[in-house]
Amino acid sequence: MTRPARTITSREFNQSTGAAKRAARNGPVYITDRGRPSHVLLSYEHYREMADSKPSIVDLLSATPGVGDIDFEVPRLRDLPRAAVLD
């Protein structure tokens, strides 16, 4: 779900944190420092929507065309380290 964004300066944020939190209920609030974006304030609900919608690496790989046609064999390691004997 796309939400409208709002931009405020870090000074405005420091002077009115409550207003920034209220604005974050409607969408991300970009906080600038010296005219450059430095932080983003999100409501917890919006953060969870973003975090839950991220596909896993397994999903991404399985969606890749031809991935099932790859033959991959892992060579067996013969030179494994041995435990030290400290007698």
C-alpha atoms as a PDB file:
ATOM      1  CA  MET A   1       0.000   0.000   0.000  1.00  0.00           C
ATOM      2  CA  THR A   2       1.507   3.335  -1.053  1.00  0.00           C
ATOM      3  CA  ARG A   3       1.056   6.142   1.419  1.00  0.00           C
ATOM      4  CA  PRO A   4       1.731   9.845   0.970  1.00  0.00           C
ATOM      5  CA  ALA A   5       5.053  11.066   2.362  1.00  0.00           C
ATOM      6  CA  ARG A   6       5.812  14.245   4.251  1.00  0.00           C
ATOM      7  CA  THR A   7       9.148  16.002   4.716  1.00  0.00           C
ATOM      8  CA  ILE A   8      10.113  17.992   7.803  1.00  0.00           C
ATOM      9  CA  THR A   9      13.362  19.491   9.006  1.00  0.00           C
ATOM     10  CA  SER A  10      15.168  18.091  12.029  1.00  0.00           C
ATOM     11  CA  ARG A  11      14.435  21.390  13.782  1.00  0.00           C
ATOM     12  CA  GLU A  12      10.694  20.974  13.152  1.00  0.00           C
ATOM     13  CA  PHE A  13      10.946  17.385  14.379  1.00  0.00           C
ATOM     14  CA  ASN A  14      12.682  18.472  17.599  1.00  0.00           C
ATOM     15  CA  GLN A  15      10.122  21.234  18.214  1.00  0.00           C
ATOM     16  CA  SER A  16       7.057  19.122  17.481  1.00  0.00           C
ATOM     17  CA  THR A  17       7.700  15.416  17.864  1.00  0.00           C
ATOM     18  CA  GLY A  18       3.999  14.781  18.466  1.00  0.00           C
ATOM     19  CA  ALA A  19       3.027  16.336  15.127  1.00  0.00           C
ATOM     20  CA  ALA A  20       5.636  14.210  13.356  1.00  0.00           C
ATOM     21  CA  LYS A  21       4.278  11.066  15.028  1.00  0.00           C
ATOM     22  CA  ARG A  22       0.743  11.973  13.967  1.00  0.00           C
ATOM     23  CA  ALA A  23       1.900  12.596  10.397  1.00  0.00           C
ATOM     24  CA  ALA A  24       3.630   9.180  10.383  1.00  0.00           C
ATOM     25  CA  ARG A  25       0.230   7.515  10.876  1.00  0.00           C
ATOM     26  CA  ASN A  26      -0.614   8.594   7.302  1.00  0.00           C
ATOM     27  CA  GLY A  27       2.704   7.718   5.682  1.00  0.00           C
ATOM     28  CA  PRO A  28       6.463   8.024   6.030  1.00  0.00           C
ATOM     29  CA  VAL A  29       7.906  11.260   7.370  1.00  0.00           C
ATOM     30  CA  TYR A  30      11.291  12.176   5.908  1.00  0.00           C
ATOM     31  CA  ILE A  31      13.416  14.167   8.328  1.00  0.00           C
ATOM     32  CA  THR A  32      16.072  16.371   6.772  1.00  0.00           C
ATOM     33  CA  ASP A  33      19.292  17.667   8.253  1.00  0.00           C
ATOM     34  CA  ARG A  34      20.738  20.701   6.483  1.00  0.00           C
ATOM     35  CA  GLY A  35      18.420  20.078   3.538  1.00  0.00           C
ATOM     36  CA  ARG A  36      19.413  16.432   3.033  1.00  0.00           C
ATOM     37  CA  PRO A  37      17.270  13.440   4.059  1.00  0.00           C
ATOM     38  CA  SER A  38      18.727  11.842   7.189  1.00  0.00           C
ATOM     39  CA  HIS A  39      15.957   9.782   8.814  1.00  0.00           C
ATOM     40  CA  VAL A  40      12.539   8.307   8.096  1.00  0.00           C
ATOM     41  CA  LEU A  41       9.818   8.079  10.721  1.00  0.00           C
ATOM     42  CA  LEU A  42       7.229   5.316  10.232  1.00  0.00           C
ATOM     43  CA  SER A  43       4.297   4.133  12.265  1.00  0.00           C
ATOM     44  CA  TYR A  44       4.788   0.642  13.649  1.00  0.00           C
ATOM     45  CA  GLU A  45       1.887  -0.576  11.503  1.00  0.00           C
ATOM     46  CA  HIS A  46       3.525   0.727   8.311  1.00  0.00           C
ATOM     47  CA  TYR A  47       6.884  -0.740   9.350  1.00  0.00           C
ATOM     48  CA  ARG A  48       5.274  -4.180   9.872  1.00  0.00           C
ATOM     49  CA  GLU A  49       3.600  -3.965   6.431  1.00  0.00           C
ATOM     50  CA  MET A  50       6.991  -3.319   4.859  1.00  0.00           C
ATOM     51  CA  ALA A  51       8.809  -5.983   6.876  1.00  0.00           C
ATOM     52  CA  ASP A  52       6.180  -8.659   6.235  1.00  0.00           C
ATOM     53  CA  SER A  53       6.016  -8.026   2.498  1.00  0.00           C
ATOM     54  CA  LYS A  54       9.726  -8.686   1.900  1.00  0.00           C
ATOM     55  CA  PRO A  55      10.222 -11.979   0.002  1.00  0.00           C
ATOM     56  CA  SER A  56      12.695 -14.515   1.373  1.00  0.00           C
ATOM     57  CA  ILE A  57      15.797 -15.604  -0.521  1.00  0.00           C
ATOM     58  CA  VAL A  58      14.121 -18.979  -1.154  1.00  0.00           C
ATOM     59  CA  ASP A  59      11.148 -17.229  -2.775  1.00  0.00           C
ATOM     60  CA  LEU A  60      13.446 -15.129  -4.956  1.00  0.00           C
ATOM     61  CA  LEU A  61      15.531 -18.093  -6.083  1.00  0.00           C
ATOM     62  CA  SER A  62      12.540 -20.315  -6.798  1.00  0.00           C
ATOM     63  CA  ALA A  63      11.021 -17.570  -8.972  1.00  0.00           C
ATOM     64  CA  THR A  64      14.151 -17.414 -11.152  1.00  0.00           C
ATOM     65  CA  PRO A  65      13.506 -19.064 -14.548  1.00  0.00           C
ATOM     66  CA  GLY A  66      15.625 -22.160 -15.185  1.00  0.00           C
ATOM     67  CA  VAL A  67      16.864 -22.461 -11.614  1.00  0.00           C
ATOM     68  CA  GLY A  68      15.697 -26.091 -11.463  1.00  0.00           C
ATOM     69  CA  ASP A  69      17.881 -26.971 -14.455  1.00  0.00           C
ATOM     70  CA  ILE A  70      21.152 -26.161 -12.693  1.00  0.00           C
ATOM     71  CA  ASP A  71      23.280 -29.166 -11.760  1.00  0.00           C
ATOM     72  CA  PHE A  72      25.330 -28.349  -8.698  1.00  0.00           C
ATOM     73  CA  GLU A  73      27.481 -30.821  -6.830  1.00  0.00           C
ATOM     74  CA  VAL A  74      29.366 -29.857  -3.710  1.00  0.00           C
ATOM     75  CA  PRO A  75      32.770 -31.546  -3.529  1.00  0.00           C
ATOM     76  CA  ARG A  76      33.459 -33.471  -0.348  1.00  0.00           C
ATOM     77  CA  LEU A  77      36.260 -31.985   1.717  1.00  0.00           C
ATOM     78  CA  ARG A  78      38.930 -34.515   2.655  1.00  0.00           C
ATOM     79  CA  ASP A  79      41.302 -32.193   4.535  1.00  0.00           C
ATOM     80  CA  LEU A  80      39.069 -31.460   7.513  1.00  0.00           C
ATOM     81  CA  PRO A  81      40.749 -30.080  10.612  1.00  0.00           C
ATOM     82  CA  ARG A  82      41.248 -32.509  13.490  1.00  0.00           C
ATOM     83  CA  ALA A  83      40.672 -31.760  17.129  1.00  0.00           C
ATOM     84  CA  ALA A  84      43.803 -30.881  19.060  1.00  0.00           C
ATOM     85  CA  VAL A  85      45.031 -33.446  21.579  1.00  0.00           C
ATOM     86  CA  LEU A  86      46.160 -31.644  24.723  1.00  0.00           C
ATOM     87  CA  ASP A  87      47.615 -34.415  26.929  1.00  0.00           C
END
